[in-house]
N, C-alpha and C. Protein backbone atom coordinates (compact mmCIF):
# COMPACT_ATOMS: atom_id res chain seq x y z
N MET A 1 -16.29 -20.85 44.84
CA MET A 1 -15.31 -21.04 43.79
C MET A 1 -15.99 -20.77 42.45
N ARG A 2 -15.30 -19.95 41.62
CA ARG A 2 -15.86 -19.60 40.32
C ARG A 2 -15.39 -20.61 39.29
N PRO A 3 -16.27 -20.99 38.37
CA PRO A 3 -15.85 -21.91 37.31
C PRO A 3 -14.90 -21.21 36.35
N ILE A 4 -13.96 -21.95 35.80
CA ILE A 4 -13.02 -21.41 34.83
C ILE A 4 -13.61 -21.60 33.44
N ALA A 5 -13.64 -20.54 32.67
CA ALA A 5 -14.15 -20.62 31.30
C ALA A 5 -13.03 -21.07 30.37
N LEU A 6 -13.27 -22.09 29.59
CA LEU A 6 -12.30 -22.59 28.62
C LEU A 6 -12.81 -22.30 27.21
N THR A 7 -11.94 -21.85 26.38
CA THR A 7 -12.29 -21.65 24.98
C THR A 7 -11.51 -22.68 24.17
N LEU A 8 -12.21 -23.47 23.39
CA LEU A 8 -11.54 -24.47 22.57
C LEU A 8 -11.14 -23.82 21.24
N VAL A 9 -9.88 -24.01 20.89
CA VAL A 9 -9.36 -23.45 19.65
C VAL A 9 -9.07 -24.62 18.71
N PRO A 10 -9.52 -24.53 17.47
CA PRO A 10 -9.24 -25.63 16.54
C PRO A 10 -7.73 -25.88 16.40
N LEU A 11 -7.37 -27.16 16.26
CA LEU A 11 -5.97 -27.55 16.16
C LEU A 11 -5.28 -26.84 14.98
N ALA A 12 -5.96 -26.69 13.87
CA ALA A 12 -5.37 -26.04 12.70
C ALA A 12 -4.97 -24.60 13.03
N THR A 13 -5.75 -23.91 13.85
CA THR A 13 -5.43 -22.53 14.24
C THR A 13 -4.16 -22.51 15.07
N LEU A 14 -4.02 -23.46 16.00
CA LEU A 14 -2.82 -23.53 16.83
C LEU A 14 -1.58 -23.83 15.98
N MET A 15 -1.72 -24.75 15.02
CA MET A 15 -0.59 -25.10 14.16
C MET A 15 -0.19 -23.90 13.31
N LEU A 16 -1.16 -23.16 12.79
CA LEU A 16 -0.86 -21.99 11.98
C LEU A 16 -0.15 -20.93 12.83
N ALA A 17 -0.63 -20.73 14.04
CA ALA A 17 -0.01 -19.73 14.92
C ALA A 17 1.42 -20.12 15.26
N ALA A 18 1.68 -21.41 15.43
CA ALA A 18 3.04 -21.86 15.74
C ALA A 18 3.96 -21.71 14.53
N ALA A 19 3.41 -21.80 13.33
CA ALA A 19 4.22 -21.72 12.12
C ALA A 19 4.57 -20.28 11.74
N VAL A 20 3.84 -19.32 12.26
CA VAL A 20 4.08 -17.92 11.92
C VAL A 20 5.00 -17.32 12.98
N PRO A 21 6.24 -16.95 12.59
CA PRO A 21 7.16 -16.42 13.60
C PRO A 21 6.71 -15.07 14.13
N SER A 22 6.99 -14.85 15.36
CA SER A 22 6.68 -13.58 15.99
C SER A 22 7.59 -12.49 15.43
N GLN A 23 7.08 -11.29 15.30
CA GLN A 23 7.89 -10.18 14.80
C GLN A 23 9.00 -9.82 15.80
N GLN A 24 8.83 -10.20 17.06
CA GLN A 24 9.81 -9.86 18.08
C GLN A 24 10.82 -10.99 18.31
N ALA A 25 10.80 -12.03 17.49
CA ALA A 25 11.72 -13.16 17.69
C ALA A 25 13.16 -12.68 17.56
N PRO A 26 14.01 -13.08 18.51
CA PRO A 26 15.41 -12.64 18.47
C PRO A 26 16.18 -13.35 17.35
N GLU A 27 17.21 -12.70 16.87
CA GLU A 27 18.12 -13.33 15.91
C GLU A 27 18.90 -14.38 16.69
N ARG A 28 18.92 -15.58 16.19
CA ARG A 28 19.58 -16.67 16.91
C ARG A 28 20.84 -17.12 16.18
N GLU A 29 21.82 -17.55 16.95
CA GLU A 29 23.07 -18.05 16.39
C GLU A 29 22.84 -19.47 15.88
N MET A 30 23.47 -19.80 14.76
CA MET A 30 23.34 -21.13 14.18
C MET A 30 24.18 -22.14 14.95
N GLN A 31 23.69 -23.38 15.00
CA GLN A 31 24.47 -24.45 15.62
C GLN A 31 25.76 -24.64 14.84
N THR A 32 26.84 -24.88 15.56
CA THR A 32 28.14 -25.14 14.95
C THR A 32 28.83 -26.20 15.78
N GLY A 33 29.56 -27.10 15.13
CA GLY A 33 30.25 -28.14 15.88
C GLY A 33 31.05 -29.04 14.97
N VAL A 34 31.45 -30.21 15.51
CA VAL A 34 32.19 -31.22 14.76
C VAL A 34 31.42 -32.52 14.88
N LYS A 35 31.32 -33.23 13.76
CA LYS A 35 30.64 -34.52 13.76
C LYS A 35 31.20 -35.37 12.63
N THR A 36 30.75 -36.60 12.55
CA THR A 36 31.14 -37.46 11.44
C THR A 36 29.96 -37.52 10.48
N SER A 37 30.25 -37.21 9.21
CA SER A 37 29.19 -37.24 8.21
C SER A 37 28.79 -38.68 7.92
N ASP A 38 27.65 -38.86 7.31
CA ASP A 38 27.15 -40.20 6.97
C ASP A 38 27.90 -40.77 5.77
N GLU A 39 28.08 -42.09 5.78
CA GLU A 39 28.60 -42.79 4.62
C GLU A 39 27.40 -43.17 3.76
N VAL A 40 27.39 -42.72 2.51
CA VAL A 40 26.26 -42.98 1.62
C VAL A 40 26.75 -43.18 0.20
N TYR A 41 25.89 -43.82 -0.59
CA TYR A 41 26.10 -43.86 -2.04
C TYR A 41 25.33 -42.69 -2.62
N ALA A 42 25.92 -42.04 -3.63
CA ALA A 42 25.27 -40.88 -4.22
C ALA A 42 25.50 -40.82 -5.72
N ALA A 43 24.47 -40.35 -6.43
CA ALA A 43 24.63 -40.02 -7.84
C ALA A 43 25.36 -38.69 -7.91
N VAL A 44 26.26 -38.55 -8.88
CA VAL A 44 27.12 -37.36 -8.94
C VAL A 44 27.10 -36.76 -10.35
N ALA A 45 27.02 -35.44 -10.40
CA ALA A 45 27.17 -34.71 -11.66
C ALA A 45 28.07 -33.51 -11.40
N GLU A 46 29.03 -33.30 -12.29
CA GLU A 46 29.93 -32.15 -12.13
C GLU A 46 29.48 -31.04 -13.05
N ILE A 47 29.51 -29.81 -12.53
CA ILE A 47 29.11 -28.64 -13.33
C ILE A 47 30.13 -27.53 -13.14
N GLN A 48 30.19 -26.65 -14.11
CA GLN A 48 31.03 -25.46 -14.04
C GLN A 48 30.08 -24.27 -13.96
N VAL A 49 30.25 -23.41 -12.97
CA VAL A 49 29.36 -22.27 -12.80
C VAL A 49 30.16 -20.99 -12.62
N LYS A 50 29.49 -19.88 -12.91
CA LYS A 50 30.06 -18.55 -12.66
C LYS A 50 29.08 -17.81 -11.78
N PHE A 51 29.47 -17.55 -10.54
CA PHE A 51 28.60 -16.82 -9.64
C PHE A 51 28.62 -15.35 -9.99
N GLY A 52 27.47 -14.69 -9.82
CA GLY A 52 27.37 -13.26 -10.11
C GLY A 52 26.98 -12.98 -11.55
N VAL A 53 26.76 -14.04 -12.35
CA VAL A 53 26.35 -13.88 -13.75
C VAL A 53 24.93 -14.42 -13.88
N PRO A 54 23.98 -13.62 -14.43
CA PRO A 54 22.61 -14.11 -14.57
C PRO A 54 22.57 -15.44 -15.33
N GLY A 55 21.77 -16.37 -14.82
CA GLY A 55 21.65 -17.68 -15.45
C GLY A 55 22.72 -18.66 -14.99
N GLN A 56 23.63 -18.22 -14.17
CA GLN A 56 24.68 -19.08 -13.64
C GLN A 56 24.50 -19.17 -12.13
N GLY A 57 25.52 -19.62 -11.43
CA GLY A 57 25.45 -19.68 -9.97
C GLY A 57 24.28 -20.49 -9.48
N GLU A 58 23.42 -19.86 -8.70
CA GLU A 58 22.28 -20.55 -8.08
C GLU A 58 21.36 -21.17 -9.12
N ASP A 59 21.14 -20.47 -10.25
CA ASP A 59 20.28 -21.01 -11.31
C ASP A 59 20.88 -22.29 -11.90
N ALA A 60 22.19 -22.28 -12.15
CA ALA A 60 22.86 -23.45 -12.74
C ALA A 60 22.85 -24.63 -11.77
N VAL A 61 23.04 -24.34 -10.48
CA VAL A 61 23.00 -25.41 -9.48
C VAL A 61 21.59 -26.00 -9.42
N GLY A 62 20.58 -25.15 -9.41
CA GLY A 62 19.19 -25.63 -9.38
C GLY A 62 18.87 -26.51 -10.57
N LYS A 63 19.31 -26.10 -11.77
CA LYS A 63 19.07 -26.91 -12.98
C LYS A 63 19.80 -28.25 -12.88
N ALA A 64 21.05 -28.24 -12.41
CA ALA A 64 21.82 -29.48 -12.27
C ALA A 64 21.15 -30.43 -11.28
N ILE A 65 20.60 -29.89 -10.19
CA ILE A 65 19.89 -30.72 -9.20
C ILE A 65 18.67 -31.35 -9.84
N ARG A 66 17.87 -30.56 -10.56
CA ARG A 66 16.67 -31.10 -11.21
C ARG A 66 17.03 -32.18 -12.23
N ASP A 67 18.05 -31.92 -13.06
CA ASP A 67 18.46 -32.89 -14.08
C ASP A 67 18.96 -34.18 -13.45
N LEU A 68 19.81 -34.07 -12.42
CA LEU A 68 20.34 -35.27 -11.77
C LEU A 68 19.23 -36.03 -11.05
N PHE A 69 18.31 -35.31 -10.43
CA PHE A 69 17.17 -35.95 -9.75
C PHE A 69 16.39 -36.81 -10.75
N THR A 70 16.16 -36.27 -11.95
CA THR A 70 15.44 -37.01 -13.00
C THR A 70 16.23 -38.25 -13.40
N GLN A 71 17.54 -38.12 -13.59
CA GLN A 71 18.38 -39.26 -13.97
C GLN A 71 18.36 -40.34 -12.89
N VAL A 72 18.39 -39.92 -11.63
CA VAL A 72 18.38 -40.86 -10.51
C VAL A 72 17.08 -41.68 -10.52
N THR A 73 15.95 -40.99 -10.63
CA THR A 73 14.67 -41.71 -10.61
C THR A 73 14.48 -42.54 -11.87
N ASP A 74 14.94 -42.04 -13.03
CA ASP A 74 14.83 -42.82 -14.27
C ASP A 74 15.67 -44.09 -14.21
N ALA A 75 16.75 -44.09 -13.44
CA ALA A 75 17.62 -45.26 -13.29
C ALA A 75 17.09 -46.23 -12.24
N GLY A 76 15.96 -45.90 -11.61
CA GLY A 76 15.34 -46.80 -10.64
C GLY A 76 15.82 -46.63 -9.21
N PHE A 77 16.51 -45.54 -8.93
CA PHE A 77 16.96 -45.27 -7.56
C PHE A 77 15.99 -44.31 -6.89
N THR A 78 15.98 -44.34 -5.56
CA THR A 78 15.17 -43.42 -4.76
C THR A 78 16.10 -42.40 -4.13
N PRO A 79 15.94 -41.11 -4.49
CA PRO A 79 16.81 -40.09 -3.91
C PRO A 79 16.50 -39.84 -2.44
N LEU A 80 17.54 -39.60 -1.68
CA LEU A 80 17.40 -39.19 -0.29
C LEU A 80 17.41 -37.67 -0.31
N GLY A 81 16.59 -37.01 0.46
CA GLY A 81 16.38 -35.58 0.36
C GLY A 81 17.54 -34.66 0.66
N GLN A 82 18.67 -35.19 1.13
CA GLN A 82 19.79 -34.32 1.50
C GLN A 82 20.74 -34.14 0.32
N ILE A 83 20.42 -33.19 -0.54
CA ILE A 83 21.21 -32.92 -1.74
C ILE A 83 22.49 -32.21 -1.32
N ARG A 84 23.62 -32.67 -1.84
CA ARG A 84 24.92 -32.10 -1.47
C ARG A 84 25.52 -31.39 -2.67
N VAL A 85 26.09 -30.24 -2.42
CA VAL A 85 26.81 -29.50 -3.45
C VAL A 85 28.22 -29.28 -2.91
N ALA A 86 29.20 -29.83 -3.63
CA ALA A 86 30.59 -29.77 -3.16
C ALA A 86 31.43 -28.93 -4.12
N VAL A 87 32.32 -28.15 -3.55
CA VAL A 87 33.28 -27.38 -4.34
C VAL A 87 34.40 -28.33 -4.73
N VAL A 88 34.71 -28.42 -6.03
CA VAL A 88 35.83 -29.26 -6.45
C VAL A 88 36.94 -28.42 -7.07
N SER A 89 36.72 -27.12 -7.22
CA SER A 89 37.75 -26.20 -7.68
C SER A 89 38.66 -25.83 -6.52
N PRO A 90 39.90 -25.46 -6.83
CA PRO A 90 40.76 -24.94 -5.76
C PRO A 90 40.16 -23.64 -5.20
N LEU A 91 40.37 -23.41 -3.92
CA LEU A 91 39.88 -22.18 -3.29
C LEU A 91 41.05 -21.27 -2.99
N PRO A 92 40.88 -19.97 -3.00
CA PRO A 92 39.67 -19.24 -3.35
C PRO A 92 39.42 -19.30 -4.86
N PRO A 93 38.17 -19.03 -5.28
CA PRO A 93 37.85 -19.08 -6.71
C PRO A 93 38.57 -17.96 -7.47
N PRO A 94 38.76 -18.15 -8.78
CA PRO A 94 39.40 -17.09 -9.57
C PRO A 94 38.56 -15.83 -9.59
N ALA A 95 39.15 -14.74 -10.02
CA ALA A 95 38.49 -13.43 -10.02
C ALA A 95 37.21 -13.42 -10.85
N ASP A 96 37.11 -14.28 -11.88
CA ASP A 96 35.90 -14.28 -12.71
C ASP A 96 34.73 -15.01 -12.06
N GLY A 97 34.94 -15.60 -10.87
CA GLY A 97 33.86 -16.25 -10.13
C GLY A 97 33.52 -17.64 -10.60
N SER A 98 34.31 -18.22 -11.52
CA SER A 98 33.98 -19.56 -12.03
C SER A 98 34.46 -20.63 -11.04
N MET A 99 33.63 -21.64 -10.88
CA MET A 99 33.96 -22.73 -9.97
C MET A 99 33.42 -24.04 -10.51
N ALA A 100 34.16 -25.12 -10.27
CA ALA A 100 33.66 -26.46 -10.57
C ALA A 100 32.98 -26.99 -9.31
N LEU A 101 31.77 -27.47 -9.47
CA LEU A 101 30.99 -28.01 -8.36
C LEU A 101 30.55 -29.42 -8.70
N GLN A 102 30.32 -30.21 -7.67
CA GLN A 102 29.68 -31.51 -7.84
C GLN A 102 28.34 -31.46 -7.13
N VAL A 103 27.31 -31.88 -7.84
CA VAL A 103 25.99 -32.08 -7.22
C VAL A 103 25.92 -33.56 -6.88
N ARG A 104 25.61 -33.86 -5.62
CA ARG A 104 25.57 -35.24 -5.14
C ARG A 104 24.20 -35.51 -4.52
N ILE A 105 23.51 -36.49 -5.07
CA ILE A 105 22.19 -36.85 -4.52
C ILE A 105 22.29 -38.26 -3.96
N PRO A 106 22.28 -38.39 -2.62
CA PRO A 106 22.32 -39.73 -2.02
C PRO A 106 21.11 -40.56 -2.42
N VAL A 107 21.33 -41.87 -2.54
CA VAL A 107 20.26 -42.81 -2.89
C VAL A 107 20.13 -43.83 -1.77
N ILE A 108 18.94 -44.39 -1.63
CA ILE A 108 18.71 -45.32 -0.52
C ILE A 108 18.99 -46.78 -0.90
N GLU A 109 19.03 -47.09 -2.20
CA GLU A 109 19.29 -48.46 -2.62
C GLU A 109 20.79 -48.74 -2.67
N GLN A 110 21.14 -50.02 -2.47
CA GLN A 110 22.53 -50.46 -2.61
C GLN A 110 22.82 -50.61 -4.10
N PRO A 111 23.79 -49.85 -4.64
CA PRO A 111 24.09 -50.01 -6.07
C PRO A 111 24.80 -51.33 -6.34
N THR A 112 24.63 -51.86 -7.55
CA THR A 112 25.34 -53.08 -7.95
C THR A 112 26.74 -52.69 -8.40
N GLU A 113 27.59 -53.69 -8.61
CA GLU A 113 28.94 -53.43 -9.13
C GLU A 113 28.85 -52.74 -10.49
N GLN A 114 27.87 -53.13 -11.29
CA GLN A 114 27.69 -52.51 -12.61
C GLN A 114 27.33 -51.02 -12.47
N ASP A 115 26.50 -50.69 -11.47
CA ASP A 115 26.14 -49.28 -11.23
C ASP A 115 27.36 -48.43 -10.90
N LEU A 116 28.38 -49.05 -10.29
CA LEU A 116 29.55 -48.31 -9.83
C LEU A 116 30.66 -48.21 -10.89
N GLN A 117 30.44 -48.82 -12.06
CA GLN A 117 31.44 -48.76 -13.13
C GLN A 117 31.51 -47.36 -13.72
N ALA A 118 32.70 -46.98 -14.18
CA ALA A 118 32.91 -45.64 -14.74
C ALA A 118 32.08 -45.40 -15.99
N ASP A 119 31.74 -46.45 -16.74
CA ASP A 119 30.98 -46.27 -17.97
C ASP A 119 29.47 -46.43 -17.77
N ALA A 120 29.02 -46.52 -16.53
CA ALA A 120 27.58 -46.64 -16.25
C ALA A 120 26.88 -45.34 -16.67
N PRO A 121 25.61 -45.45 -17.10
CA PRO A 121 24.90 -44.25 -17.56
C PRO A 121 24.71 -43.19 -16.47
N LEU A 122 24.67 -43.61 -15.22
CA LEU A 122 24.52 -42.68 -14.10
C LEU A 122 25.75 -42.86 -13.20
N SER A 123 26.45 -41.77 -12.92
CA SER A 123 27.65 -41.85 -12.09
C SER A 123 27.23 -41.96 -10.62
N ILE A 124 27.55 -43.12 -10.02
CA ILE A 124 27.25 -43.35 -8.60
C ILE A 124 28.58 -43.61 -7.89
N THR A 125 28.75 -42.97 -6.75
CA THR A 125 29.98 -43.16 -5.99
C THR A 125 29.65 -43.27 -4.50
N LYS A 126 30.57 -43.87 -3.77
CA LYS A 126 30.41 -43.99 -2.32
C LYS A 126 31.05 -42.77 -1.68
N LEU A 127 30.28 -42.05 -0.89
CA LEU A 127 30.80 -40.93 -0.12
C LEU A 127 31.16 -41.46 1.26
N GLU A 128 32.43 -41.45 1.56
CA GLU A 128 32.91 -42.00 2.83
C GLU A 128 32.51 -41.10 4.00
N ALA A 129 32.35 -41.72 5.15
CA ALA A 129 32.11 -40.95 6.37
C ALA A 129 33.35 -40.11 6.64
N THR A 130 33.14 -38.86 6.98
CA THR A 130 34.24 -37.91 7.16
C THR A 130 33.99 -37.07 8.40
N ARG A 131 35.05 -36.76 9.13
CA ARG A 131 34.94 -35.83 10.26
C ARG A 131 34.84 -34.42 9.69
N VAL A 132 33.78 -33.72 10.05
CA VAL A 132 33.54 -32.39 9.49
C VAL A 132 33.19 -31.38 10.58
N ALA A 133 33.57 -30.14 10.32
CA ALA A 133 33.02 -29.02 11.09
C ALA A 133 31.78 -28.59 10.33
N TYR A 134 30.74 -28.22 11.06
CA TYR A 134 29.49 -27.88 10.38
C TYR A 134 28.84 -26.67 11.02
N THR A 135 28.02 -26.03 10.24
CA THR A 135 27.10 -24.99 10.71
C THR A 135 25.95 -24.95 9.73
N TYR A 136 25.01 -24.08 9.97
CA TYR A 136 23.85 -23.96 9.09
C TYR A 136 23.79 -22.56 8.49
N HIS A 137 23.18 -22.48 7.32
CA HIS A 137 22.96 -21.21 6.63
C HIS A 137 21.48 -21.12 6.31
N LYS A 138 20.88 -20.00 6.70
CA LYS A 138 19.47 -19.77 6.38
C LYS A 138 19.40 -18.55 5.48
N GLY A 139 18.84 -18.73 4.30
CA GLY A 139 18.74 -17.64 3.34
C GLY A 139 19.17 -18.10 1.96
N SER A 140 19.27 -17.17 1.05
CA SER A 140 19.64 -17.47 -0.32
C SER A 140 21.02 -18.11 -0.38
N ILE A 141 21.15 -19.10 -1.23
CA ILE A 141 22.43 -19.77 -1.42
C ILE A 141 23.46 -18.79 -2.00
N GLN A 142 22.99 -17.75 -2.68
CA GLN A 142 23.89 -16.73 -3.21
C GLN A 142 24.69 -16.06 -2.08
N ASP A 143 24.15 -16.06 -0.86
CA ASP A 143 24.78 -15.37 0.27
C ASP A 143 25.53 -16.32 1.21
N VAL A 144 25.85 -17.52 0.75
CA VAL A 144 26.42 -18.54 1.62
C VAL A 144 27.89 -18.27 1.99
N GLN A 145 28.57 -17.41 1.23
CA GLN A 145 30.00 -17.18 1.49
C GLN A 145 30.26 -16.67 2.91
N LEU A 146 29.42 -15.78 3.42
CA LEU A 146 29.62 -15.25 4.76
C LEU A 146 29.50 -16.35 5.82
N SER A 147 28.55 -17.26 5.62
CA SER A 147 28.40 -18.37 6.57
C SER A 147 29.61 -19.30 6.51
N PHE A 148 30.14 -19.54 5.31
CA PHE A 148 31.36 -20.36 5.20
C PHE A 148 32.53 -19.66 5.88
N ALA A 149 32.63 -18.33 5.72
CA ALA A 149 33.71 -17.57 6.37
C ALA A 149 33.61 -17.69 7.89
N ARG A 150 32.39 -17.63 8.42
CA ARG A 150 32.21 -17.79 9.88
C ARG A 150 32.62 -19.19 10.33
N LEU A 151 32.29 -20.19 9.52
CA LEU A 151 32.67 -21.56 9.87
C LEU A 151 34.19 -21.72 9.86
N ILE A 152 34.86 -21.13 8.89
CA ILE A 152 36.32 -21.19 8.84
C ILE A 152 36.93 -20.50 10.06
N GLN A 153 36.38 -19.35 10.45
CA GLN A 153 36.86 -18.68 11.67
C GLN A 153 36.67 -19.57 12.89
N TRP A 154 35.53 -20.24 12.97
CA TRP A 154 35.25 -21.13 14.09
C TRP A 154 36.26 -22.28 14.11
N ILE A 155 36.56 -22.85 12.92
CA ILE A 155 37.53 -23.95 12.82
C ILE A 155 38.89 -23.49 13.34
N MET A 156 39.31 -22.30 12.93
CA MET A 156 40.60 -21.77 13.38
C MET A 156 40.60 -21.54 14.89
N ALA A 157 39.50 -21.02 15.43
CA ALA A 157 39.42 -20.77 16.87
C ALA A 157 39.48 -22.07 17.67
N GLN A 158 39.00 -23.17 17.07
CA GLN A 158 39.03 -24.47 17.74
C GLN A 158 40.36 -25.19 17.53
N LYS A 159 41.28 -24.55 16.77
CA LYS A 159 42.60 -25.11 16.47
C LYS A 159 42.49 -26.43 15.69
N LEU A 160 41.50 -26.48 14.78
CA LEU A 160 41.34 -27.64 13.90
C LEU A 160 42.02 -27.33 12.58
N GLU A 161 42.30 -28.37 11.80
CA GLU A 161 42.94 -28.20 10.50
C GLU A 161 41.96 -28.59 9.40
N ILE A 162 41.82 -27.74 8.40
CA ILE A 162 40.94 -28.04 7.27
C ILE A 162 41.57 -29.18 6.48
N ALA A 163 40.76 -30.22 6.18
CA ALA A 163 41.29 -31.44 5.56
C ALA A 163 40.63 -31.75 4.22
N GLY A 164 39.92 -30.80 3.63
CA GLY A 164 39.27 -31.06 2.36
C GLY A 164 38.42 -29.90 1.92
N ALA A 165 37.82 -30.05 0.75
CA ALA A 165 37.00 -28.99 0.16
C ALA A 165 35.65 -28.88 0.88
N PRO A 166 35.14 -27.65 0.99
CA PRO A 166 33.85 -27.45 1.65
C PRO A 166 32.70 -27.98 0.80
N PHE A 167 31.60 -28.31 1.46
CA PHE A 167 30.38 -28.64 0.74
C PHE A 167 29.18 -28.26 1.58
N MET A 168 28.03 -28.26 0.95
CA MET A 168 26.81 -27.94 1.68
C MET A 168 25.75 -28.97 1.34
N ILE A 169 24.89 -29.20 2.30
CA ILE A 169 23.75 -30.09 2.13
C ILE A 169 22.51 -29.21 2.14
N ILE A 170 21.77 -29.27 1.05
CA ILE A 170 20.57 -28.45 0.93
C ILE A 170 19.41 -29.24 1.51
N HIS A 171 18.81 -28.72 2.55
CA HIS A 171 17.69 -29.39 3.20
C HIS A 171 16.38 -28.91 2.58
N ALA A 172 15.53 -29.85 2.28
CA ALA A 172 14.24 -29.51 1.70
C ALA A 172 13.41 -28.77 2.74
N THR A 173 12.82 -27.67 2.32
CA THR A 173 11.92 -26.93 3.19
C THR A 173 10.62 -26.72 2.42
N PRO A 174 9.49 -26.66 3.12
CA PRO A 174 8.23 -26.48 2.41
C PRO A 174 8.09 -25.09 1.81
N ASP A 175 8.90 -24.16 2.23
CA ASP A 175 8.79 -22.77 1.77
C ASP A 175 9.76 -22.54 0.62
N ARG A 176 9.29 -22.05 -0.49
CA ARG A 176 10.14 -21.80 -1.66
C ARG A 176 10.80 -20.42 -1.62
N ASP A 177 10.53 -19.65 -0.59
CA ASP A 177 11.13 -18.33 -0.45
C ASP A 177 12.64 -18.50 -0.28
N PRO A 178 13.47 -17.93 -1.20
CA PRO A 178 14.92 -18.11 -1.10
C PRO A 178 15.50 -17.64 0.22
N MET A 179 14.87 -16.69 0.88
CA MET A 179 15.40 -16.18 2.15
C MET A 179 15.14 -17.16 3.30
N LYS A 180 14.36 -18.22 3.04
CA LYS A 180 14.08 -19.21 4.08
C LYS A 180 14.70 -20.56 3.77
N GLN A 181 15.54 -20.63 2.73
CA GLN A 181 16.22 -21.88 2.41
C GLN A 181 17.19 -22.23 3.53
N VAL A 182 17.39 -23.52 3.75
CA VAL A 182 18.30 -23.98 4.80
C VAL A 182 19.34 -24.91 4.18
N ALA A 183 20.61 -24.62 4.47
CA ALA A 183 21.70 -25.47 4.01
C ALA A 183 22.61 -25.74 5.20
N GLU A 184 23.11 -26.97 5.27
CA GLU A 184 24.12 -27.32 6.27
C GLU A 184 25.47 -27.22 5.58
N LEU A 185 26.34 -26.40 6.12
CA LEU A 185 27.68 -26.22 5.55
C LEU A 185 28.64 -27.14 6.28
N GLN A 186 29.47 -27.84 5.54
CA GLN A 186 30.43 -28.76 6.14
C GLN A 186 31.81 -28.58 5.52
N ILE A 187 32.84 -28.66 6.36
CA ILE A 187 34.22 -28.62 5.90
C ILE A 187 34.95 -29.76 6.61
N PRO A 188 35.57 -30.69 5.84
CA PRO A 188 36.33 -31.76 6.48
C PRO A 188 37.46 -31.17 7.34
N VAL A 189 37.65 -31.76 8.53
CA VAL A 189 38.68 -31.29 9.46
C VAL A 189 39.44 -32.46 10.07
N LYS A 190 40.64 -32.10 10.59
CA LYS A 190 41.45 -33.07 11.37
C LYS A 190 41.55 -32.53 12.77
């Protein structure tokens, strides 16, 4: 019997190899389904944006997220990493591409009654648990419309009824490359 030669590979090398996708990796379909969203308290800021205009759209959303994140931490709350961006304008958007959005940053602390008052320095609201159809979008947020269209087609194929405005949850990823951003798209359904 011949002895088997083993080569020990450092753990860091294995982790790096696992993190680098193979060039032959197949294109995979995103998970899609129906679930109940979490009930959470969230800090809220409303913004008006124009997609397709430099300095607006994705840039304006990013600035609003950073500003609200600062307000949340300055008020003594701890943000939960699942940042939500909700469409509050009627759909479809007007021809000029302008839309009203809400940036919602969930917090882990229980707000006081004073925190929930309309005149509080930071707008905090309770986001109720909602039945939603969901899917994921990988890539630049500028290209999210196609993923929302696919989700709407899926909703129709399942004979579900849209029951509210769409929103997305931006998941933190260690990679700042816009083509590797991950967002969970959700649309309330009945």
